[in-house]
Amino acid sequence: MDKDRENFLAEKLAALEKWADEVDPADLKPAPLESFGAIAALMNQQEEINKALAQAVADARSRGLSWSQIGSLLGVSKQAAHRKYGTRVAAQSSS
């Protein structure tokens, strides 16, 4: 498991523990377990998609696409695309 994933899970666990310490048991209601499973599965997919998208953006930049073109494909401004992916692209191109 990579460090980003470990940090993400540690933050979520800490938030869950804080909530468990503060929740009033009278406020608890049963929840179907399949809902939790679906959320967890989608969160895992979202993380993988985000990584793949960052890699695709880095590849597009290495092939000469501008931030304007990438932003257009993502449905955001060139500044928003650069803000979100610029650091990752720079890190991937230097490794």
N, C-alpha and C. Protein backbone atom coordinates (compact mmCIF):
# COMPACT_ATOMS: atom_id res chain seq x y z
N MET A 1 0.86 -1.17 0.00
CA MET A 1 0.00 0.00 0.00
C MET A 1 0.91 1.24 0.00
N ASP A 2 0.59 2.21 -0.85
CA ASP A 2 1.44 3.39 -0.92
C ASP A 2 1.16 4.35 0.23
N LYS A 3 2.09 5.29 0.45
CA LYS A 3 2.00 6.22 1.58
C LYS A 3 0.75 7.08 1.53
N ASP A 4 0.37 7.56 0.31
CA ASP A 4 -0.83 8.38 0.19
C ASP A 4 -2.05 7.62 0.67
N ARG A 5 -2.15 6.38 0.28
CA ARG A 5 -3.30 5.54 0.68
C ARG A 5 -3.27 5.30 2.18
N GLU A 6 -2.09 5.02 2.73
CA GLU A 6 -1.97 4.81 4.17
C GLU A 6 -2.38 6.06 4.93
N ASN A 7 -1.92 7.22 4.49
CA ASN A 7 -2.29 8.48 5.15
C ASN A 7 -3.78 8.73 5.05
N PHE A 8 -4.36 8.48 3.87
CA PHE A 8 -5.79 8.66 3.67
C PHE A 8 -6.58 7.77 4.65
N LEU A 9 -6.20 6.50 4.73
CA LEU A 9 -6.91 5.58 5.61
C LEU A 9 -6.72 5.94 7.08
N ALA A 10 -5.52 6.40 7.44
CA ALA A 10 -5.27 6.82 8.82
C ALA A 10 -6.14 8.02 9.20
N GLU A 11 -6.28 8.97 8.28
CA GLU A 11 -7.13 10.14 8.54
C GLU A 11 -8.59 9.71 8.71
N LYS A 12 -9.05 8.82 7.84
CA LYS A 12 -10.44 8.37 7.92
C LYS A 12 -10.68 7.59 9.21
N LEU A 13 -9.72 6.76 9.59
CA LEU A 13 -9.86 6.01 10.83
C LEU A 13 -9.90 6.94 12.04
N ALA A 14 -9.04 7.95 12.05
CA ALA A 14 -9.04 8.92 13.15
C ALA A 14 -10.38 9.66 13.23
N ALA A 15 -10.92 10.05 12.07
CA ALA A 15 -12.21 10.73 12.05
C ALA A 15 -13.32 9.81 12.56
N LEU A 16 -13.27 8.55 12.17
CA LEU A 16 -14.28 7.58 12.62
C LEU A 16 -14.18 7.36 14.13
N GLU A 17 -12.96 7.25 14.66
CA GLU A 17 -12.78 7.07 16.09
C GLU A 17 -13.28 8.29 16.86
N LYS A 18 -13.01 9.48 16.35
CA LYS A 18 -13.49 10.72 16.99
C LYS A 18 -15.02 10.73 17.01
N TRP A 19 -15.61 10.39 15.87
CA TRP A 19 -17.07 10.35 15.79
C TRP A 19 -17.63 9.33 16.79
N ALA A 20 -17.01 8.14 16.87
CA ALA A 20 -17.50 7.09 17.77
C ALA A 20 -17.42 7.54 19.22
N ASP A 21 -16.39 8.31 19.56
CA ASP A 21 -16.26 8.81 20.93
C ASP A 21 -17.33 9.85 21.27
N GLU A 22 -17.81 10.58 20.26
CA GLU A 22 -18.71 11.70 20.51
C GLU A 22 -20.19 11.40 20.23
N VAL A 23 -20.48 10.33 19.51
CA VAL A 23 -21.85 10.08 19.10
C VAL A 23 -22.71 9.64 20.30
N ASP A 24 -23.94 10.09 20.29
CA ASP A 24 -24.91 9.67 21.30
C ASP A 24 -25.52 8.35 20.82
N PRO A 25 -25.39 7.27 21.60
CA PRO A 25 -25.93 5.98 21.16
C PRO A 25 -27.41 6.03 20.77
N ALA A 26 -28.16 6.95 21.35
CA ALA A 26 -29.58 7.08 21.02
C ALA A 26 -29.78 7.56 19.58
N ASP A 27 -28.74 8.19 19.01
CA ASP A 27 -28.83 8.70 17.64
C ASP A 27 -28.47 7.64 16.59
N LEU A 28 -27.99 6.49 17.03
CA LEU A 28 -27.55 5.46 16.09
C LEU A 28 -28.73 4.71 15.50
N LYS A 29 -28.64 4.43 14.22
CA LYS A 29 -29.66 3.65 13.52
C LYS A 29 -28.95 2.56 12.72
N PRO A 30 -29.57 1.40 12.58
CA PRO A 30 -28.94 0.34 11.79
C PRO A 30 -28.79 0.79 10.33
N ALA A 31 -27.69 0.39 9.74
CA ALA A 31 -27.44 0.71 8.33
C ALA A 31 -27.11 -0.59 7.60
N PRO A 32 -27.61 -0.73 6.39
CA PRO A 32 -27.30 -1.95 5.64
C PRO A 32 -25.81 -2.01 5.29
N LEU A 33 -25.18 -3.13 5.58
CA LEU A 33 -23.74 -3.27 5.34
C LEU A 33 -23.37 -3.11 3.88
N GLU A 34 -24.27 -3.48 2.98
CA GLU A 34 -23.94 -3.34 1.56
C GLU A 34 -23.71 -1.88 1.17
N SER A 35 -24.33 -0.96 1.91
CA SER A 35 -24.09 0.46 1.64
C SER A 35 -22.63 0.82 1.95
N PHE A 36 -22.12 0.34 3.06
CA PHE A 36 -20.73 0.60 3.40
C PHE A 36 -19.79 -0.02 2.38
N GLY A 37 -20.11 -1.24 1.98
CA GLY A 37 -19.27 -1.92 0.98
C GLY A 37 -19.25 -1.18 -0.34
N ALA A 38 -20.40 -0.69 -0.76
CA ALA A 38 -20.48 0.05 -2.02
C ALA A 38 -19.68 1.34 -1.95
N ILE A 39 -19.79 2.04 -0.83
CA ILE A 39 -19.03 3.29 -0.66
C ILE A 39 -17.53 2.99 -0.68
N ALA A 40 -17.10 1.99 0.07
CA ALA A 40 -15.68 1.64 0.11
C ALA A 40 -15.16 1.25 -1.27
N ALA A 41 -15.93 0.47 -1.99
CA ALA A 41 -15.51 0.04 -3.33
C ALA A 41 -15.38 1.24 -4.27
N LEU A 42 -16.35 2.15 -4.21
CA LEU A 42 -16.29 3.33 -5.06
C LEU A 42 -15.14 4.26 -4.69
N MET A 43 -14.85 4.38 -3.40
CA MET A 43 -13.71 5.19 -2.98
C MET A 43 -12.40 4.61 -3.53
N ASN A 44 -12.28 3.29 -3.50
CA ASN A 44 -11.09 2.64 -4.07
C ASN A 44 -11.00 2.90 -5.57
N GLN A 45 -12.13 2.79 -6.26
CA GLN A 45 -12.15 3.05 -7.71
C GLN A 45 -11.80 4.50 -7.99
N GLN A 46 -12.32 5.41 -7.18
CA GLN A 46 -12.04 6.83 -7.37
C GLN A 46 -10.55 7.11 -7.23
N GLU A 47 -9.91 6.50 -6.25
CA GLU A 47 -8.47 6.71 -6.06
C GLU A 47 -7.70 6.19 -7.28
N GLU A 48 -8.06 5.03 -7.76
CA GLU A 48 -7.37 4.47 -8.93
C GLU A 48 -7.62 5.33 -10.17
N ILE A 49 -8.83 5.81 -10.34
CA ILE A 49 -9.14 6.68 -11.48
C ILE A 49 -8.35 7.98 -11.39
N ASN A 50 -8.27 8.56 -10.19
CA ASN A 50 -7.51 9.80 -10.02
C ASN A 50 -6.03 9.60 -10.37
N LYS A 51 -5.46 8.46 -9.97
CA LYS A 51 -4.07 8.16 -10.30
C LYS A 51 -3.90 7.99 -11.81
N ALA A 52 -4.83 7.26 -12.44
CA ALA A 52 -4.76 7.04 -13.88
C ALA A 52 -4.94 8.35 -14.64
N LEU A 53 -5.82 9.20 -14.16
CA LEU A 53 -6.04 10.50 -14.80
C LEU A 53 -4.80 11.37 -14.69
N ALA A 54 -4.16 11.38 -13.52
CA ALA A 54 -2.92 12.15 -13.35
C ALA A 54 -1.84 11.63 -14.30
N GLN A 55 -1.76 10.33 -14.45
CA GLN A 55 -0.78 9.75 -15.37
C GLN A 55 -1.10 10.13 -16.81
N ALA A 56 -2.39 10.12 -17.16
CA ALA A 56 -2.80 10.50 -18.52
C ALA A 56 -2.48 11.97 -18.79
N VAL A 57 -2.68 12.82 -17.80
CA VAL A 57 -2.34 14.24 -17.95
C VAL A 57 -0.83 14.39 -18.13
N ALA A 58 -0.05 13.69 -17.33
CA ALA A 58 1.41 13.76 -17.47
C ALA A 58 1.83 13.29 -18.86
N ASP A 59 1.21 12.22 -19.34
CA ASP A 59 1.52 11.71 -20.68
C ASP A 59 1.14 12.73 -21.75
N ALA A 60 -0.03 13.35 -21.58
CA ALA A 60 -0.47 14.36 -22.55
C ALA A 60 0.50 15.55 -22.58
N ARG A 61 0.96 15.97 -21.41
CA ARG A 61 1.93 17.06 -21.36
C ARG A 61 3.24 16.66 -22.04
N SER A 62 3.68 15.42 -21.79
CA SER A 62 4.94 14.98 -22.40
C SER A 62 4.83 14.86 -23.92
N ARG A 63 3.61 14.75 -24.42
CA ARG A 63 3.38 14.66 -25.86
C ARG A 63 3.04 16.03 -26.47
N GLY A 64 3.16 17.08 -25.66
CA GLY A 64 3.03 18.43 -26.18
C GLY A 64 1.68 19.10 -26.05
N LEU A 65 0.70 18.47 -25.40
CA LEU A 65 -0.58 19.13 -25.21
C LEU A 65 -0.41 20.28 -24.23
N SER A 66 -1.10 21.37 -24.49
CA SER A 66 -1.03 22.55 -23.62
C SER A 66 -1.97 22.37 -22.43
N TRP A 67 -1.76 23.21 -21.42
CA TRP A 67 -2.67 23.18 -20.28
C TRP A 67 -4.06 23.62 -20.70
N SER A 68 -4.15 24.49 -21.70
CA SER A 68 -5.47 24.90 -22.22
C SER A 68 -6.20 23.70 -22.82
N GLN A 69 -5.48 22.91 -23.60
CA GLN A 69 -6.11 21.73 -24.22
C GLN A 69 -6.52 20.72 -23.16
N ILE A 70 -5.64 20.48 -22.21
CA ILE A 70 -5.95 19.52 -21.14
C ILE A 70 -7.13 20.02 -20.31
N GLY A 71 -7.11 21.31 -19.96
CA GLY A 71 -8.23 21.87 -19.21
C GLY A 71 -9.54 21.72 -19.95
N SER A 72 -9.50 21.95 -21.26
CA SER A 72 -10.70 21.80 -22.07
C SER A 72 -11.23 20.36 -22.02
N LEU A 73 -10.32 19.40 -22.12
CA LEU A 73 -10.73 17.99 -22.04
C LEU A 73 -11.33 17.65 -20.68
N LEU A 74 -10.80 18.28 -19.64
CA LEU A 74 -11.28 18.01 -18.28
C LEU A 74 -12.51 18.84 -17.92
N GLY A 75 -12.84 19.82 -18.77
CA GLY A 75 -13.99 20.67 -18.49
C GLY A 75 -13.70 21.75 -17.45
N VAL A 76 -12.41 22.13 -17.36
CA VAL A 76 -12.00 23.17 -16.41
C VAL A 76 -11.08 24.15 -17.14
N SER A 77 -10.73 25.25 -16.48
CA SER A 77 -9.80 26.20 -17.08
C SER A 77 -8.39 25.63 -17.10
N LYS A 78 -7.53 26.25 -17.92
CA LYS A 78 -6.14 25.80 -17.95
C LYS A 78 -5.49 26.00 -16.58
N GLN A 79 -5.87 27.07 -15.88
CA GLN A 79 -5.32 27.32 -14.56
C GLN A 79 -5.73 26.23 -13.57
N ALA A 80 -6.99 25.83 -13.63
CA ALA A 80 -7.47 24.77 -12.72
C ALA A 80 -6.77 23.45 -13.01
N ALA A 81 -6.59 23.13 -14.29
CA ALA A 81 -5.89 21.89 -14.66
C ALA A 81 -4.45 21.93 -14.16
N HIS A 82 -3.79 23.07 -14.38
CA HIS A 82 -2.40 23.20 -13.94
C HIS A 82 -2.29 23.13 -12.43
N ARG A 83 -3.22 23.78 -11.73
CA ARG A 83 -3.21 23.79 -10.27
C ARG A 83 -3.36 22.37 -9.73
N LYS A 84 -4.23 21.59 -10.36
CA LYS A 84 -4.49 20.25 -9.85
C LYS A 84 -3.40 19.25 -10.24
N TYR A 85 -2.88 19.36 -11.45
CA TYR A 85 -1.96 18.34 -11.96
C TYR A 85 -0.53 18.80 -12.19
N GLY A 86 -0.27 20.10 -12.15
CA GLY A 86 1.06 20.62 -12.47
C GLY A 86 2.17 20.04 -11.63
N THR A 87 1.97 19.98 -10.32
CA THR A 87 3.00 19.45 -9.43
C THR A 87 3.23 17.96 -9.70
N ARG A 88 2.15 17.23 -9.91
CA ARG A 88 2.27 15.78 -10.16
C ARG A 88 3.00 15.53 -11.47
N VAL A 89 2.66 16.34 -12.48
CA VAL A 89 3.30 16.18 -13.79
C VAL A 89 4.79 16.46 -13.67
N ALA A 90 5.15 17.52 -12.95
CA ALA A 90 6.56 17.87 -12.78
C ALA A 90 7.29 16.76 -12.04
N ALA A 91 6.66 16.20 -11.01
CA ALA A 91 7.29 15.13 -10.24
C ALA A 91 7.47 13.87 -11.08
N GLN A 92 6.49 13.55 -11.92
CA GLN A 92 6.58 12.35 -12.76
C GLN A 92 7.62 12.52 -13.85
N SER A 93 7.77 13.73 -14.37
CA SER A 93 8.72 13.94 -15.46
C SER A 93 10.16 14.00 -14.93
N SER A 94 10.33 14.28 -13.63
CA SER A 94 11.69 14.33 -13.08
C SER A 94 12.14 12.99 -12.52
N SER A 95 11.23 12.02 -12.44
CA SER A 95 11.62 10.71 -11.88
C SER A 95 12.00 9.71 -12.94
